[in-house]
Amino acid sequence: MKIEMEDRAALSTATRMIGDIENTEGYVAGKTPVVLYGVLGESEHTRSVIYLKDIEIHGNYNIPFNYDYSYPFYLSYYLAADINLSTEPVDPAIVESMPTYPEKGSIQLAGDVLVVKLSDSE
């Protein structure tokens, strides 16, 4: 039950994130490089299912895509999003000044790259 609820929460979050990315002025689906900075599971906005917090499952954290290498697969294949995920370096000063997703300003164009700040830690 816990895994199913966390999977639904992940799907909801990822779907909202894709929608927010696609609605960013200047973003072109499949063309604009998108850098996901940080790990969503480390965000102050990511919550665990409180009433199931005492149930522990080895290797399972708050959401299924807690690891940065799983984002491309989840967003591109599971959600079938036309997204050009990139690992281009981003000016740390830009990222530092951004709030974390889903706050307003957490998705910004930095030159030709769209940055989504998921957490304060890289």
Protein backbone atom coordinates (compact mmCIF):
# COMPACT_ATOMS: atom_id res chain seq x y z
CA MET A 1 0.00 0.00 0.00
CA LYS A 2 2.79 2.44 0.88
CA ILE A 3 4.63 1.87 -2.38
CA GLU A 4 1.41 2.32 -4.36
CA MET A 5 0.63 5.61 -2.61
CA GLU A 6 4.17 6.88 -3.11
CA ASP A 7 4.04 5.85 -6.77
CA ARG A 8 0.84 7.86 -7.21
CA ALA A 9 2.43 10.85 -5.48
CA ALA A 10 5.47 10.55 -7.79
CA LEU A 11 3.26 10.37 -10.87
CA SER A 12 1.31 13.42 -9.74
CA THR A 13 4.47 15.41 -8.99
CA ALA A 14 6.17 14.46 -12.25
CA THR A 15 3.04 15.25 -14.27
CA ARG A 16 2.76 18.68 -12.64
CA MET A 17 6.47 19.29 -13.23
CA ILE A 18 6.21 18.43 -16.94
CA GLY A 19 3.20 20.73 -17.25
CA ASP A 20 5.07 23.55 -15.51
CA ILE A 21 8.11 23.03 -17.75
CA GLU A 22 5.96 23.02 -20.91
CA ASN A 23 4.21 26.22 -19.81
CA THR A 24 7.46 28.12 -19.30
CA GLU A 25 7.80 30.96 -21.78
CA GLY A 26 10.58 30.24 -24.28
CA TYR A 27 10.52 26.46 -23.73
CA VAL A 28 10.30 24.30 -26.86
CA ALA A 29 9.36 20.67 -26.19
CA GLY A 30 12.09 18.23 -27.18
CA LYS A 31 14.46 21.04 -28.19
CA THR A 32 15.23 23.21 -25.16
CA PRO A 33 17.83 21.52 -22.95
CA VAL A 34 16.41 20.93 -19.45
CA VAL A 35 18.70 20.61 -16.43
CA LEU A 36 17.17 19.11 -13.30
CA TYR A 37 19.24 20.45 -10.42
CA GLY A 38 19.14 18.51 -7.17
CA VAL A 39 17.17 15.50 -6.02
CA LEU A 40 13.44 15.80 -5.53
CA GLY A 41 13.48 13.44 -2.55
CA GLU A 42 15.75 15.90 -0.72
CA SER A 43 13.44 18.86 -1.29
CA GLU A 44 11.79 20.57 1.64
CA HIS A 45 8.54 20.21 -0.35
CA THR A 46 8.65 16.42 -0.68
CA ARG A 47 6.56 14.79 1.98
CA SER A 48 6.34 11.22 3.09
CA VAL A 49 2.93 9.64 3.63
CA ILE A 50 2.73 10.59 7.31
CA TYR A 51 0.34 7.91 8.55
CA LEU A 52 2.49 5.20 6.94
CA LYS A 53 5.81 6.64 8.13
CA ASP A 54 6.52 3.72 10.47
CA ILE A 55 6.39 1.17 7.65
CA GLU A 56 9.90 0.73 6.32
CA ILE A 57 10.77 -0.75 2.97
CA HIS A 58 14.47 -1.25 2.24
CA GLY A 59 15.61 0.84 -0.71
CA ASN A 60 12.39 2.81 -0.96
CA TYR A 61 12.38 6.49 -0.07
CA ASN A 62 9.70 9.13 -0.51
CA ILE A 63 9.29 8.69 -4.24
CA PRO A 64 10.33 6.20 -6.95
CA PHE A 65 12.60 8.68 -8.75
CA ASN A 66 14.79 9.68 -5.83
CA TYR A 67 17.94 8.99 -7.79
CA ASP A 68 19.02 11.46 -10.45
CA TYR A 69 19.73 8.72 -13.01
CA SER A 70 16.08 7.61 -12.94
CA TYR A 71 14.60 10.97 -13.99
CA PRO A 72 15.21 10.54 -17.74
CA PHE A 73 13.56 7.12 -17.76
CA TYR A 74 10.58 8.15 -15.64
CA LEU A 75 9.89 11.41 -17.47
CA SER A 76 10.69 10.22 -20.99
CA TYR A 77 9.39 6.66 -20.99
CA TYR A 78 6.81 6.38 -18.20
CA LEU A 79 5.24 9.78 -18.87
CA ALA A 80 6.18 9.80 -22.58
CA ALA A 81 7.26 13.44 -22.24
CA ASP A 82 9.12 14.98 -25.15
CA ILE A 83 11.89 16.43 -22.99
CA ASN A 84 15.55 17.08 -23.80
CA LEU A 85 17.19 16.37 -20.44
CA SER A 86 20.72 17.70 -20.24
CA THR A 87 23.67 17.65 -17.87
CA GLU A 88 25.03 20.99 -19.07
CA PRO A 89 26.72 22.91 -16.27
CA VAL A 90 24.68 25.82 -14.92
CA ASP A 91 26.07 28.92 -13.24
CA PRO A 92 25.89 28.13 -9.49
CA ALA A 93 24.93 31.74 -8.73
CA ILE A 94 21.77 31.35 -10.83
CA VAL A 95 20.77 28.10 -9.16
CA GLU A 96 21.54 29.39 -5.67
CA SER A 97 19.19 32.35 -6.13
CA MET A 98 16.30 30.11 -7.25
CA PRO A 99 13.65 28.70 -4.91
CA THR A 100 12.98 24.95 -5.00
CA TYR A 101 10.23 23.32 -7.00
CA PRO A 102 7.23 23.85 -6.99
CA GLU A 103 7.71 27.45 -5.85
CA LYS A 104 7.31 30.25 -8.38
CA GLY A 105 10.72 30.92 -9.94
CA SER A 106 11.99 27.34 -9.50
CA ILE A 107 11.88 26.86 -13.27
CA GLN A 108 13.88 29.44 -15.23
CA LEU A 109 15.63 29.84 -18.53
CA ALA A 110 19.35 30.42 -18.03
CA GLY A 111 20.47 31.35 -21.51
CA ASP A 112 19.32 28.52 -23.77
CA VAL A 113 18.94 26.00 -20.91
CA LEU A 114 15.84 25.54 -18.78
CA VAL A 115 16.78 24.93 -15.14
CA VAL A 116 14.45 23.19 -12.70
CA LYS A 117 15.70 23.42 -9.11
CA LEU A 118 14.46 20.35 -7.24
CA SER A 119 16.49 20.77 -4.05
CA ASP A 120 19.28 22.87 -2.59
CA SER A 121 21.78 20.01 -2.77
CA GLU A 122 23.10 18.87 -6.16
